[in-house]
């Protein structure tokens, strides 16, 4: 993790109906009994299930940046603009734009359509506003974050912690949700971190990672599947953050559960006006299809989102 300093052409794939795509997923998951069954059209039950998943995803969608139409979000319940500041300690100097020549829209290089590219290590604060777009609430906060990455961590990243995405108003260890690539491991590990208010768990001047509590709030994948020229889907699913009963956070890679952190009972207080969706902290590589949902998606929904032909942007194209 890192504390921080802080109209392109339409997508190049033809629009397809989301229902058949998810119906095929549902059929595969149900375990067809024969080759003939695999080749048969989706049953009415499967079609109804696919339609239900489609509708549930659309109802829960709160933010989508496909990067097919520039840096700003395609859809947002809150502010859809992207911002840049010199650092996350100096957000008062933020402007509504991407100003670095090394952060570009890479045309035709996305998982679908175009992508956001960090040509070299990013040291600026590039962000969207988080409070409304993530559905944040201090009590019993639940949601899902989905995006795609394309990079070779060991070859493309400079030394130090690298966070493709953070959501916080302060720092990585204080009311924050993030994923990072570690600093010293070979190959570099990929981690999910979900931390409540630091006052509830930090111990004096002890470095966060030397606090045994730190490991309880992280999910570590020692050999993640990232590779240059290959897209990897990342989904973060969390529920009940800031609740007395304790929250849970799950990390999925390519539609499969990679690990879970549970029993997250610390308060989770962010100042809505300062909360940000931070992109590419120290990152170099490609990112695509950043989407957020206001509830915790289930396993079938995460898998359907991973397999969705045309990406999350397709969700916006359909009516019930």
Protein backbone atom coordinates (compact mmCIF):
# COMPACT_ATOMS: atom_id res chain seq x y z
CA UNK A 1 0.00 0.00 0.00
CA UNK A 2 1.02 3.62 -0.35
CA UNK A 3 0.12 6.76 1.59
CA UNK A 4 0.24 8.86 -1.58
CA UNK A 5 1.67 12.21 -2.62
CA UNK A 6 0.25 12.90 -3.85
CA UNK A 7 -13.82 11.18 -27.33
CA UNK A 8 -12.47 8.22 -28.29
CA UNK A 9 -14.36 6.00 -30.81
CA UNK A 10 -17.24 3.95 -29.57
CA UNK A 11 -16.28 0.50 -28.29
CA UNK A 12 -15.05 -1.72 -31.08
CA UNK A 13 -17.25 -4.69 -30.26
CA UNK A 14 -20.82 -5.07 -31.46
CA UNK A 15 -23.46 -4.67 -28.78
CA UNK A 16 -24.91 -7.98 -27.72
CA UNK A 17 -27.78 -8.76 -25.44
CA UNK A 18 -26.62 -9.39 -21.90
CA UNK A 19 -29.25 -12.05 -21.19
CA UNK A 20 -27.85 -14.71 -23.57
CA UNK A 21 -24.32 -14.09 -22.27
CA UNK A 22 -25.30 -14.66 -18.68
CA UNK A 23 -27.62 -17.50 -19.62
CA UNK A 24 -24.66 -19.39 -21.03
CA UNK A 25 -22.82 -18.83 -17.74
CA UNK A 26 -25.82 -20.16 -15.84
CA UNK A 27 -25.95 -23.23 -18.08
CA UNK A 28 -22.26 -23.98 -17.54
CA UNK A 29 -22.58 -23.56 -13.79
CA UNK A 30 -25.51 -25.99 -13.69
CA UNK A 31 -23.29 -28.82 -15.01
CA UNK A 32 -24.86 -30.06 -18.26
CA UNK A 33 -25.18 -33.83 -18.45
CA UNK A 34 -24.11 -34.28 -22.06
CA UNK A 35 -22.61 -32.67 -25.14
CA UNK A 36 -26.13 -32.38 -26.56
CA UNK A 37 -27.18 -30.47 -23.45
CA UNK A 38 -24.22 -28.14 -23.90
CA UNK A 39 -25.33 -27.35 -27.43
CA UNK A 40 -28.99 -26.94 -26.56
CA UNK A 41 -30.52 -23.45 -26.33
CA UNK A 42 -30.78 -22.02 -22.81
CA UNK A 43 -33.90 -23.24 -21.04
CA UNK A 44 -36.64 -20.85 -20.04
CA UNK A 45 -35.50 -21.24 -16.43
CA UNK A 46 -31.94 -20.31 -17.39
CA UNK A 47 -33.18 -17.32 -19.36
CA UNK A 48 -35.23 -16.15 -16.41
CA UNK A 49 -32.22 -16.56 -14.14
CA UNK A 50 -30.04 -14.61 -16.57
CA UNK A 51 -32.62 -11.83 -16.78
CA UNK A 52 -32.77 -11.68 -12.99
CA UNK A 53 -28.99 -11.33 -12.74
CA UNK A 54 -29.00 -8.69 -15.47
CA UNK A 55 -31.68 -6.67 -13.72
CA UNK A 56 -30.04 -7.00 -10.32
CA UNK A 57 -26.70 -5.76 -11.64
CA UNK A 58 -28.30 -2.78 -13.34
CA UNK A 59 -30.29 -1.86 -10.23
CA UNK A 60 -27.18 -1.94 -8.04
CA UNK A 61 -24.79 -0.16 -10.45
CA UNK A 62 -23.68 3.17 -8.97
CA UNK A 63 -20.59 4.04 -11.04
CA UNK A 64 -19.02 3.02 -14.35
CA UNK A 65 -15.92 4.28 -16.12
CA UNK A 66 -15.40 2.26 -19.29
CA UNK A 67 -12.72 4.67 -20.59
CA UNK A 68 -14.30 4.33 -24.05
CA UNK A 69 -15.39 7.97 -24.07
CA UNK A 70 -12.54 9.60 -22.19
CA UNK A 71 -11.49 9.79 -18.56
CA UNK A 72 -14.83 10.80 -17.03
CA UNK A 73 -17.29 8.14 -15.93
CA UNK A 74 -19.96 6.91 -18.36
CA UNK A 75 -22.42 6.73 -15.47
CA UNK A 76 -22.35 7.94 -11.90
CA UNK A 77 -24.91 8.47 -9.18
CA UNK A 78 -22.65 11.26 -7.96
CA UNK A 79 -19.95 13.33 -9.66
CA UNK A 80 -18.79 11.65 -12.88
CA UNK A 81 -15.69 13.82 -13.40
CA UNK A 82 -12.11 12.71 -12.91
CA UNK A 83 -9.77 14.95 -10.93
CA UNK A 84 -6.02 15.43 -10.58
CA UNK A 85 -4.12 17.02 -7.70
CA UNK A 86 -0.39 17.24 -6.96
CA UNK A 87 -0.91 14.83 -4.06
CA UNK A 88 -3.61 13.39 -1.84
CA UNK A 89 -2.39 15.77 0.86
CA UNK A 90 -3.25 18.73 -1.39
CA UNK A 91 -6.70 18.04 -2.78
CA UNK A 92 -7.60 21.74 -2.61
CA UNK A 93 -5.43 22.15 -5.72
CA UNK A 94 -7.35 19.53 -7.70
CA UNK A 95 -8.54 20.26 -11.25
CA UNK A 96 -11.26 18.40 -13.14
CA UNK A 97 -9.05 16.71 -15.73
CA UNK A 98 -6.12 14.39 -16.22
CA UNK A 99 -3.05 16.57 -16.67
CA UNK A 100 -0.15 14.13 -16.92
CA UNK A 101 1.02 13.30 -20.47
CA UNK A 102 1.84 9.83 -19.16
CA UNK A 103 -1.79 9.03 -18.28
CA UNK A 104 -3.72 8.46 -21.50
CA UNK A 105 -6.66 6.72 -23.10
CA UNK A 106 -5.15 3.78 -24.97
CA UNK A 107 -7.39 3.34 -27.97
CA UNK A 108 -8.33 -0.20 -28.83
CA UNK A 109 -6.12 -1.66 -26.09
CA UNK A 110 -8.79 -2.26 -23.46
CA UNK A 111 -10.38 -5.44 -22.28
CA UNK A 112 -13.28 -4.03 -24.26
CA UNK A 113 -12.74 -0.96 -26.44
CA UNK A 114 -10.30 1.54 -24.98
CA UNK A 115 -8.42 1.52 -21.68
CA UNK A 116 -6.83 3.82 -19.13
CA UNK A 117 -3.07 3.60 -19.40
CA UNK A 118 -0.40 4.73 -16.96
CA UNK A 119 2.70 4.80 -19.17
CA UNK A 120 5.05 5.02 -16.22
CA UNK A 121 4.92 5.20 -12.43
CA UNK A 122 2.15 7.58 -11.45
CA UNK A 123 2.94 9.98 -8.61
CA UNK A 124 -0.02 12.34 -9.02
CA UNK A 125 -3.36 12.10 -7.22
CA UNK A 126 -5.85 10.90 -9.87
CA UNK A 127 -9.31 10.26 -8.49
CA UNK A 128 -13.09 10.31 -8.65
CA UNK A 129 -15.24 11.45 -5.76
CA UNK A 130 -16.30 8.49 -3.69
CA UNK A 131 -19.13 9.19 -1.28
CA UNK A 132 -22.21 8.91 -3.53
CA UNK A 133 -20.51 6.85 -6.24
CA UNK A 134 -19.60 4.06 -3.82
CA UNK A 135 -22.83 4.20 -1.80
CA UNK A 136 -20.75 4.86 1.32
CA UNK A 137 -22.43 5.03 4.71
CA UNK A 138 -20.74 4.90 8.10
CA UNK A 139 -22.95 2.10 9.40
CA UNK A 140 -23.38 -1.25 7.67
CA UNK A 141 -21.70 -0.27 4.39
CA UNK A 142 -21.83 -2.91 1.65
CA UNK A 143 -20.74 -2.82 -1.98
CA UNK A 144 -18.74 -4.28 -4.85
CA UNK A 145 -15.86 -2.87 -6.90
CA UNK A 146 -14.93 -4.41 -10.27
CA UNK A 147 -12.15 -3.64 -12.73
CA UNK A 148 -9.61 -5.20 -15.09
CA UNK A 149 -5.79 -4.88 -15.01
CA UNK A 150 -3.16 -5.69 -17.63
CA UNK A 151 0.48 -5.65 -16.56
CA UNK A 152 3.47 -7.71 -15.50
CA UNK A 153 3.96 -6.70 -11.86
CA UNK A 154 7.60 -7.76 -11.66
CA UNK A 155 8.62 -6.22 -14.99
CA UNK A 156 6.43 -3.11 -15.20
CA UNK A 157 6.30 -1.75 -11.66
CA UNK A 158 9.02 0.25 -9.96
CA UNK A 159 10.14 -0.65 -6.43
CA UNK A 160 7.73 0.15 -3.62
CA UNK A 161 4.13 -0.59 -2.85
CA UNK A 162 1.73 -0.07 -5.77
CA UNK A 163 -2.02 0.42 -5.33
CA UNK A 164 -4.06 0.21 -8.52
CA UNK A 165 -7.08 1.36 -6.48
CA UNK A 166 -7.80 2.83 -3.06
CA UNK A 167 -10.99 4.20 -1.50
CA UNK A 168 -10.41 6.38 1.55
CA UNK A 169 -10.49 9.95 2.80
CA UNK A 170 -7.23 9.70 4.72
CA UNK A 171 -4.73 6.90 4.24
CA UNK A 172 -4.45 3.20 3.43
CA UNK A 173 -4.65 2.19 7.10
CA UNK A 174 -7.49 4.46 8.21
CA UNK A 175 -11.04 3.76 6.97
CA UNK A 176 -9.85 2.40 3.63
CA UNK A 177 -10.44 -0.29 1.01
CA UNK A 178 -7.58 -1.04 -1.37
CA UNK A 179 -5.67 -3.54 -3.45
CA UNK A 180 -1.92 -3.44 -3.87
CA UNK A 181 1.16 -5.19 -5.19
CA UNK A 182 3.72 -5.77 -2.46
CA UNK A 183 7.16 -4.23 -2.34
CA UNK A 184 9.69 -6.97 -1.62
CA UNK A 185 8.17 -10.30 -2.64
CA UNK A 186 9.23 -12.20 -5.76
CA UNK A 187 6.86 -12.62 -7.45
CA UNK A 188 5.07 -9.61 -6.05
CA UNK A 189 2.03 -10.59 -4.02
CA UNK A 190 -1.39 -9.08 -4.65
CA UNK A 191 -3.38 -8.04 -1.59
CA UNK A 192 -6.78 -6.76 -0.57
CA UNK A 193 -6.81 -4.53 2.48
CA UNK A 194 -9.91 -3.37 4.38
CA UNK A 195 -9.20 -1.27 7.45
CA UNK A 196 -11.52 0.61 9.78
CA UNK A 197 -10.58 3.69 11.76
CA UNK A 198 -6.91 3.46 12.75
CA UNK A 199 -7.68 4.76 16.24
CA UNK A 200 -9.52 1.49 16.88
CA UNK A 201 -6.64 -0.82 16.00
CA UNK A 202 -3.29 0.97 15.63
CA UNK A 203 -0.84 0.66 18.52
CA UNK A 204 1.23 3.72 19.25
CA UNK A 205 4.17 4.14 16.91
CA UNK A 206 4.22 0.52 15.75
CA UNK A 207 4.35 0.33 11.95
CA UNK A 208 1.04 -1.00 10.59
CA UNK A 209 2.58 -4.11 9.04
CA UNK A 210 4.35 -4.97 12.28
CA UNK A 211 1.01 -4.99 14.05
CA UNK A 212 -0.40 -8.53 14.10
CA UNK A 213 -3.82 -7.04 13.48
CA UNK A 214 -2.71 -6.03 9.98
CA UNK A 215 -2.73 -9.60 8.67
CA UNK A 216 -6.31 -10.08 9.88
CA UNK A 217 -7.47 -7.29 7.58
CA UNK A 218 -5.65 -8.36 4.43
CA UNK A 219 -6.18 -11.09 1.85
CA UNK A 220 -2.90 -12.15 0.22
CA UNK A 221 -2.49 -13.92 -3.13
CA UNK A 222 1.11 -15.08 -3.32
CA UNK A 223 1.07 -16.04 -7.01
CA UNK A 224 -1.48 -13.82 -8.74
CA UNK A 225 -2.32 -14.43 -12.42
CA UNK A 226 -1.30 -11.02 -13.79
CA UNK A 227 0.78 -10.91 -16.98
CA UNK A 228 1.55 -8.33 -19.64
CA UNK A 229 -0.79 -8.71 -22.59
CA UNK A 230 -3.31 -10.59 -20.47
CA UNK A 231 -6.34 -9.08 -18.76
CA UNK A 232 -7.13 -10.09 -15.18
CA UNK A 233 -10.48 -9.32 -13.56
CA UNK A 234 -10.49 -8.05 -9.99
CA UNK A 235 -13.60 -7.85 -7.83
CA UNK A 236 -13.78 -6.63 -4.23
CA UNK A 237 -16.98 -7.54 -2.40
CA UNK A 238 -17.62 -6.20 1.10
CA UNK A 239 -20.57 -6.22 3.46
CA UNK A 240 -21.45 -4.92 6.89
CA UNK A 241 -18.52 -2.53 7.31
CA UNK A 242 -19.07 -0.34 10.35
CA UNK A 243 -21.58 -2.74 11.87
CA UNK A 244 -21.58 -4.15 15.40
CA UNK A 245 -21.83 -7.70 14.08
CA UNK A 246 -18.68 -7.29 12.00
CA UNK A 247 -18.03 -6.85 8.30
CA UNK A 248 -16.64 -9.18 5.65
CA UNK A 249 -14.49 -8.50 2.60
CA UNK A 250 -13.78 -10.89 -0.29
CA UNK A 251 -11.29 -10.76 -3.14
CA UNK A 252 -12.12 -12.43 -6.47
CA UNK A 253 -9.71 -12.92 -9.37
CA UNK A 254 -11.12 -13.94 -12.76
CA UNK A 255 -14.46 -14.74 -11.20
CA UNK A 256 -13.08 -17.06 -8.51
CA UNK A 257 -12.88 -16.37 -4.80
CA UNK A 258 -9.25 -15.82 -3.79
CA UNK A 259 -9.73 -15.11 -0.11
CA UNK A 260 -11.85 -13.58 2.65
CA UNK A 261 -11.27 -11.29 5.62
CA UNK A 262 -14.04 -11.30 8.19
CA UNK A 263 -14.84 -10.04 11.67
CA UNK A 264 -14.17 -6.41 10.67
CA UNK A 265 -15.71 -4.68 13.67
CA UNK A 266 -13.89 -1.34 13.77
CA UNK A 267 -15.80 1.88 13.02
CA UNK A 268 -15.52 2.90 9.37
CA UNK A 269 -15.76 6.69 9.31
CA UNK A 270 -14.95 8.70 6.22
CA UNK A 271 -15.64 12.40 5.65
CA UNK A 272 -17.85 12.25 2.53
CA UNK A 273 -16.53 15.52 1.10
CA UNK A 274 -12.96 14.17 1.24
CA UNK A 275 -13.50 10.53 0.29
CA UNK A 276 -11.90 9.61 -3.03
CA UNK A 277 -11.63 6.69 -5.46
CA UNK A 278 -7.88 6.78 -6.04
CA UNK A 279 -6.53 5.39 -9.28
CA UNK A 280 -3.08 4.09 -10.11
CA UNK A 281 -1.11 5.02 -6.99
CA UNK A 282 2.49 4.35 -8.13
CA UNK A 283 0.96 2.19 -10.86
CA UNK A 284 2.18 1.57 -14.41
CA UNK A 285 0.02 -0.48 -16.76
CA UNK A 286 -3.48 -0.70 -18.16
CA UNK A 287 -6.83 -0.51 -16.36
CA UNK A 288 -10.33 -0.94 -17.79
CA UNK A 289 -14.03 -1.20 -16.94
CA UNK A 290 -14.06 0.27 -13.43
CA UNK A 291 -17.54 -0.28 -11.97
CA UNK A 292 -19.13 -0.09 -8.54
CA UNK A 293 -22.29 -1.50 -7.04
CA UNK A 294 -24.18 -0.53 -3.91
CA UNK A 295 -24.43 -4.02 -2.48
CA UNK A 296 -22.34 -7.12 -2.08
CA UNK A 297 -22.70 -9.22 -5.22
CA UNK A 298 -22.96 -12.98 -4.77
CA UNK A 299 -20.65 -15.56 -6.36
CA UNK A 300 -22.88 -16.08 -9.41
CA UNK A 301 -23.11 -12.34 -10.03
CA UNK A 302 -19.35 -11.84 -9.78
CA UNK A 303 -18.79 -14.72 -12.20
CA UNK A 304 -21.40 -13.32 -14.59
CA UNK A 305 -19.74 -9.90 -14.44
CA UNK A 306 -16.36 -11.49 -15.21
CA UNK A 307 -17.79 -13.42 -18.19
CA UNK A 308 -20.00 -10.63 -19.52
CA UNK A 309 -19.29 -10.18 -23.23
CA UNK A 310 -18.70 -6.47 -23.82
CA UNK A 311 -17.96 -5.70 -20.19
CA UNK A 312 -19.79 -3.84 -17.46
CA UNK A 313 -20.73 -1.05 -19.87
CA UNK A 314 -23.18 -3.44 -21.46
CA UNK A 315 -25.30 -3.30 -18.32
CA UNK A 316 -26.35 0.26 -19.19
CA UNK A 317 -27.60 -0.72 -22.64
CA UNK A 318 -30.50 -2.86 -21.62
CA UNK A 319 -34.02 -2.29 -20.38
CA UNK A 320 -35.98 -4.83 -18.32
